[in-house]
Each structure stands twice: as C-alpha cells, then as structure tokens.
C-alpha cells in the first residue's frame, strides 16, 4: 500500500493512472474543503487538475452524486477519455 501525506493528512493511493500524482500541486489544490470526504478523486485535462470528494457508501453524508460506488459513472460522464486520474483514500 502506497501512502502520501498532503497538508498533514495521510492518504492511501488507491489509483494512480499514468503516475500522475504531483504532491506539490495537490498540496496547493487540496484545501480544507476536502477534509470531510473519505476519498479524493482527481483527473487531469488540458494540463489542469480537477478534484472531487467522495464518501464511503457507509458514510451517512453519502448521496448518489458523491458516493464512491458511483465513481465509474462519474469517470464516464465527466472525465475526458484517457485522462490521467488518481484516487486517494483518507487513512483514519
């Protein structure tokens, strides 16, 4: 299991398609807004990273739009085909 620490929060690297994780860039982009999420998904398009927070399906805050079980649908509907992507899971 690969781990990464960003802004003093430890994450497990669940997915890192095309080795795209840039710790310095993520340290700038991942704000305290993401602290409440169990997962952070990122995709790169046109040299920019987009981030989205997801909850574990068992989390009471999970809704269809941010439930990790719907990640594949999110990728199909909102990510460019072949985009570099990553998924981080917060280690509690």
N, C-alpha and C. Protein backbone atom coordinates (compact mmCIF):
# COMPACT_ATOMS: atom_id res chain seq x y z
N UNK A 1 0.85 -1.18 0.00
CA UNK A 1 0.00 0.00 0.00
C UNK A 1 0.89 1.25 0.00
N UNK A 2 0.70 2.08 -0.99
CA UNK A 2 1.44 3.33 -1.09
C UNK A 2 0.67 4.41 -0.34
N UNK A 3 1.39 5.20 0.44
CA UNK A 3 0.78 6.28 1.21
C UNK A 3 1.38 7.62 0.79
N UNK A 4 0.60 8.66 1.00
CA UNK A 4 1.05 10.02 0.71
C UNK A 4 0.46 10.93 1.77
N UNK A 5 1.22 11.93 2.19
CA UNK A 5 0.74 12.91 3.16
C UNK A 5 0.61 14.24 2.45
N UNK A 6 -0.60 14.81 2.51
CA UNK A 6 -0.87 16.11 1.89
C UNK A 6 -1.54 16.99 2.94
N UNK A 7 -0.92 18.13 3.20
CA UNK A 7 -1.45 19.07 4.19
C UNK A 7 -1.76 18.39 5.52
N UNK A 8 -0.82 17.56 5.95
CA UNK A 8 -0.86 16.88 7.24
C UNK A 8 -1.94 15.81 7.36
N UNK A 9 -2.52 15.40 6.25
CA UNK A 9 -3.50 14.31 6.24
C UNK A 9 -2.90 13.16 5.43
N UNK A 10 -3.00 11.96 6.00
CA UNK A 10 -2.43 10.78 5.35
C UNK A 10 -3.49 10.09 4.48
N UNK A 11 -3.07 9.76 3.26
CA UNK A 11 -3.95 9.09 2.31
C UNK A 11 -3.29 7.82 1.80
N UNK A 12 -4.11 6.85 1.46
CA UNK A 12 -3.68 5.66 0.73
C UNK A 12 -3.90 5.97 -0.74
N UNK A 13 -2.91 5.67 -1.58
CA UNK A 13 -3.06 5.84 -3.02
C UNK A 13 -3.75 4.59 -3.55
N UNK A 14 -5.03 4.73 -3.90
CA UNK A 14 -5.83 3.61 -4.39
C UNK A 14 -5.58 3.43 -5.89
N UNK A 15 -5.47 4.53 -6.60
CA UNK A 15 -5.26 4.51 -8.05
C UNK A 15 -4.35 5.68 -8.42
N UNK A 16 -3.44 5.44 -9.35
CA UNK A 16 -2.57 6.50 -9.87
C UNK A 16 -2.29 6.20 -11.34
N UNK A 17 -3.29 6.42 -12.19
CA UNK A 17 -3.18 6.11 -13.61
C UNK A 17 -2.14 7.02 -14.25
N UNK A 18 -1.18 6.40 -14.90
CA UNK A 18 -0.10 7.11 -15.60
C UNK A 18 0.81 7.88 -14.66
N UNK A 19 0.88 7.45 -13.39
CA UNK A 19 1.79 8.05 -12.42
C UNK A 19 1.65 9.58 -12.40
N UNK A 20 0.42 10.05 -12.23
CA UNK A 20 0.13 11.48 -12.38
C UNK A 20 0.11 12.28 -11.08
N UNK A 21 0.27 11.62 -9.94
CA UNK A 21 0.19 12.35 -8.68
C UNK A 21 1.40 13.27 -8.53
N UNK A 22 1.11 14.54 -8.30
CA UNK A 22 2.14 15.57 -8.08
C UNK A 22 1.86 16.15 -6.70
N UNK A 23 2.65 15.74 -5.73
CA UNK A 23 2.40 16.10 -4.33
C UNK A 23 2.40 17.62 -4.12
N UNK A 24 3.30 18.34 -4.77
CA UNK A 24 3.35 19.79 -4.60
C UNK A 24 2.09 20.45 -5.13
N UNK A 25 1.66 20.04 -6.31
CA UNK A 25 0.44 20.60 -6.90
C UNK A 25 -0.77 20.29 -6.02
N UNK A 26 -0.87 19.05 -5.55
CA UNK A 26 -2.00 18.67 -4.71
C UNK A 26 -2.01 19.41 -3.38
N UNK A 27 -0.83 19.70 -2.85
CA UNK A 27 -0.76 20.46 -1.60
C UNK A 27 -1.36 21.85 -1.77
N UNK A 28 -1.26 22.40 -2.99
CA UNK A 28 -1.85 23.70 -3.27
C UNK A 28 -3.37 23.60 -3.52
N UNK A 29 -3.80 22.53 -4.15
CA UNK A 29 -5.18 22.40 -4.61
C UNK A 29 -6.13 21.78 -3.58
N UNK A 30 -5.61 20.89 -2.74
CA UNK A 30 -6.47 20.22 -1.76
C UNK A 30 -6.58 21.12 -0.53
N UNK A 31 -7.73 21.77 -0.42
CA UNK A 31 -7.98 22.69 0.69
C UNK A 31 -8.73 21.97 1.80
N UNK A 32 -9.02 22.70 2.86
CA UNK A 32 -9.75 22.10 3.98
C UNK A 32 -11.17 21.70 3.58
N UNK A 33 -11.66 22.16 2.45
CA UNK A 33 -12.96 21.72 1.94
C UNK A 33 -13.01 20.20 1.81
N UNK A 34 -11.90 19.59 1.44
CA UNK A 34 -11.85 18.14 1.21
C UNK A 34 -11.66 17.33 2.48
N UNK A 35 -11.45 17.97 3.62
CA UNK A 35 -11.18 17.26 4.87
C UNK A 35 -12.32 16.31 5.26
N UNK A 36 -13.54 16.64 4.93
CA UNK A 36 -14.68 15.83 5.35
C UNK A 36 -14.91 14.60 4.50
N UNK A 37 -14.30 14.55 3.31
CA UNK A 37 -14.52 13.43 2.40
C UNK A 37 -13.60 12.25 2.73
N UNK A 38 -14.10 11.05 2.44
CA UNK A 38 -13.32 9.83 2.64
C UNK A 38 -12.34 9.59 1.49
N UNK A 39 -12.69 10.08 0.31
CA UNK A 39 -11.86 9.90 -0.89
C UNK A 39 -11.72 11.22 -1.64
N UNK A 40 -10.60 11.37 -2.33
CA UNK A 40 -10.42 12.48 -3.26
C UNK A 40 -10.04 11.87 -4.60
N UNK A 41 -10.85 12.19 -5.61
CA UNK A 41 -10.58 11.74 -6.97
C UNK A 41 -10.08 12.93 -7.77
N UNK A 42 -9.10 12.70 -8.60
CA UNK A 42 -8.59 13.77 -9.45
C UNK A 42 -8.40 13.31 -10.87
N UNK A 43 -8.66 14.23 -11.80
CA UNK A 43 -8.38 13.93 -13.20
C UNK A 43 -7.70 15.14 -13.84
N UNK A 44 -6.81 14.85 -14.78
CA UNK A 44 -6.07 15.89 -15.47
C UNK A 44 -6.60 16.02 -16.89
N UNK A 45 -6.95 17.24 -17.27
CA UNK A 45 -7.37 17.54 -18.63
C UNK A 45 -6.81 18.91 -18.99
N UNK A 46 -6.22 19.01 -20.14
CA UNK A 46 -5.66 20.28 -20.61
C UNK A 46 -4.70 20.87 -19.58
N UNK A 47 -3.85 20.01 -19.01
CA UNK A 47 -2.83 20.41 -18.04
C UNK A 47 -3.39 21.04 -16.76
N UNK A 48 -4.65 20.76 -16.46
CA UNK A 48 -5.25 21.24 -15.21
C UNK A 48 -5.81 20.04 -14.47
N UNK A 49 -5.76 20.11 -13.15
CA UNK A 49 -6.31 19.03 -12.33
C UNK A 49 -7.68 19.45 -11.80
N UNK A 50 -8.63 18.53 -11.87
CA UNK A 50 -9.95 18.73 -11.27
C UNK A 50 -10.06 17.74 -10.12
N UNK A 51 -10.60 18.20 -9.01
CA UNK A 51 -10.73 17.35 -7.83
C UNK A 51 -12.20 17.20 -7.46
N UNK A 52 -12.55 16.02 -6.95
CA UNK A 52 -13.91 15.77 -6.48
C UNK A 52 -13.82 14.89 -5.23
N UNK A 53 -14.58 15.26 -4.22
CA UNK A 53 -14.62 14.47 -3.00
C UNK A 53 -15.73 13.44 -3.06
N UNK A 54 -15.45 12.27 -2.51
CA UNK A 54 -16.42 11.19 -2.43
C UNK A 54 -16.46 10.65 -1.00
N UNK A 55 -17.62 10.12 -0.63
CA UNK A 55 -17.78 9.47 0.67
C UNK A 55 -17.84 7.97 0.49
N UNK A 56 -17.42 7.25 1.52
CA UNK A 56 -17.62 5.81 1.58
C UNK A 56 -19.14 5.58 1.59
N UNK A 57 -19.57 4.51 0.97
CA UNK A 57 -21.01 4.21 0.87
C UNK A 57 -21.68 4.12 2.24
N UNK A 58 -20.93 3.75 3.27
CA UNK A 58 -21.49 3.61 4.62
C UNK A 58 -21.58 4.94 5.36
N UNK A 59 -20.95 5.98 4.81
CA UNK A 59 -20.97 7.29 5.45
C UNK A 59 -22.37 7.90 5.32
N UNK A 60 -22.89 8.42 6.42
CA UNK A 60 -24.24 8.97 6.40
C UNK A 60 -24.37 10.21 5.52
N UNK A 61 -23.26 10.84 5.16
CA UNK A 61 -23.29 12.01 4.28
C UNK A 61 -23.31 11.64 2.80
N UNK A 62 -23.15 10.38 2.49
CA UNK A 62 -23.09 9.94 1.09
C UNK A 62 -24.44 10.12 0.40
N UNK A 63 -24.38 10.75 -0.75
CA UNK A 63 -25.53 10.88 -1.64
C UNK A 63 -25.10 10.26 -2.97
N UNK A 64 -26.03 10.06 -3.88
CA UNK A 64 -25.69 9.43 -5.16
C UNK A 64 -24.56 10.17 -5.88
N UNK A 65 -24.55 11.49 -5.78
CA UNK A 65 -23.56 12.29 -6.51
C UNK A 65 -22.15 12.17 -5.94
N UNK A 66 -22.02 11.77 -4.66
CA UNK A 66 -20.69 11.71 -4.06
C UNK A 66 -20.42 10.39 -3.34
N UNK A 67 -21.14 9.34 -3.71
CA UNK A 67 -20.93 8.01 -3.16
C UNK A 67 -19.85 7.31 -3.99
N UNK A 68 -18.85 6.80 -3.34
CA UNK A 68 -17.71 6.20 -4.05
C UNK A 68 -18.14 5.05 -4.97
N UNK A 69 -19.25 4.41 -4.68
CA UNK A 69 -19.71 3.31 -5.54
C UNK A 69 -20.11 3.82 -6.93
N UNK A 70 -20.32 5.13 -7.07
CA UNK A 70 -20.68 5.72 -8.36
C UNK A 70 -19.50 6.37 -9.08
N UNK A 71 -18.29 6.06 -8.63
CA UNK A 71 -17.10 6.66 -9.24
C UNK A 71 -16.98 6.32 -10.72
N UNK A 72 -17.23 5.09 -11.10
CA UNK A 72 -17.11 4.72 -12.52
C UNK A 72 -18.07 5.53 -13.39
N UNK A 73 -19.27 5.75 -12.91
CA UNK A 73 -20.23 6.58 -13.66
C UNK A 73 -19.71 8.01 -13.79
N UNK A 74 -19.13 8.54 -12.70
CA UNK A 74 -18.56 9.89 -12.75
C UNK A 74 -17.45 9.96 -13.80
N UNK A 75 -16.58 8.97 -13.81
CA UNK A 75 -15.49 8.95 -14.78
C UNK A 75 -16.03 8.96 -16.21
N UNK A 76 -17.03 8.12 -16.47
CA UNK A 76 -17.60 8.03 -17.82
C UNK A 76 -18.28 9.32 -18.25
N UNK A 77 -18.96 9.97 -17.33
CA UNK A 77 -19.77 11.14 -17.67
C UNK A 77 -19.04 12.48 -17.59
N UNK A 78 -17.99 12.56 -16.79
CA UNK A 78 -17.38 13.86 -16.55
C UNK A 78 -15.89 13.97 -16.86
N UNK A 79 -15.24 12.86 -17.15
CA UNK A 79 -13.80 12.88 -17.41
C UNK A 79 -13.52 12.66 -18.90
N UNK A 80 -12.49 13.30 -19.38
CA UNK A 80 -12.08 13.11 -20.76
C UNK A 80 -11.60 11.68 -20.95
N UNK A 81 -11.88 11.10 -22.11
CA UNK A 81 -11.44 9.74 -22.41
C UNK A 81 -9.92 9.68 -22.32
N UNK A 82 -9.41 8.71 -21.59
CA UNK A 82 -7.97 8.51 -21.46
C UNK A 82 -7.27 9.48 -20.53
N UNK A 83 -8.03 10.26 -19.77
CA UNK A 83 -7.42 11.23 -18.86
C UNK A 83 -6.61 10.52 -17.78
N UNK A 84 -5.57 11.19 -17.35
CA UNK A 84 -4.80 10.70 -16.20
C UNK A 84 -5.66 10.92 -14.96
N UNK A 85 -5.76 9.90 -14.12
CA UNK A 85 -6.61 10.00 -12.94
C UNK A 85 -5.91 9.42 -11.72
N UNK A 86 -6.40 9.82 -10.56
CA UNK A 86 -5.91 9.22 -9.31
C UNK A 86 -7.04 9.21 -8.30
N UNK A 87 -6.91 8.32 -7.33
CA UNK A 87 -7.88 8.22 -6.24
C UNK A 87 -7.10 8.05 -4.94
N UNK A 88 -7.40 8.92 -4.00
CA UNK A 88 -6.79 8.87 -2.67
C UNK A 88 -7.87 8.56 -1.64
N UNK A 89 -7.53 7.68 -0.69
CA UNK A 89 -8.45 7.34 0.39
C UNK A 89 -7.84 7.82 1.70
N UNK A 90 -8.60 8.60 2.45
CA UNK A 90 -8.12 9.13 3.72
C UNK A 90 -7.91 7.98 4.70
N UNK A 91 -6.76 7.98 5.35
CA UNK A 91 -6.46 6.99 6.37
C UNK A 91 -6.88 7.62 7.70
N UNK A 92 -7.77 6.92 8.40
CA UNK A 92 -8.30 7.49 9.65
C UNK A 92 -7.52 7.02 10.84
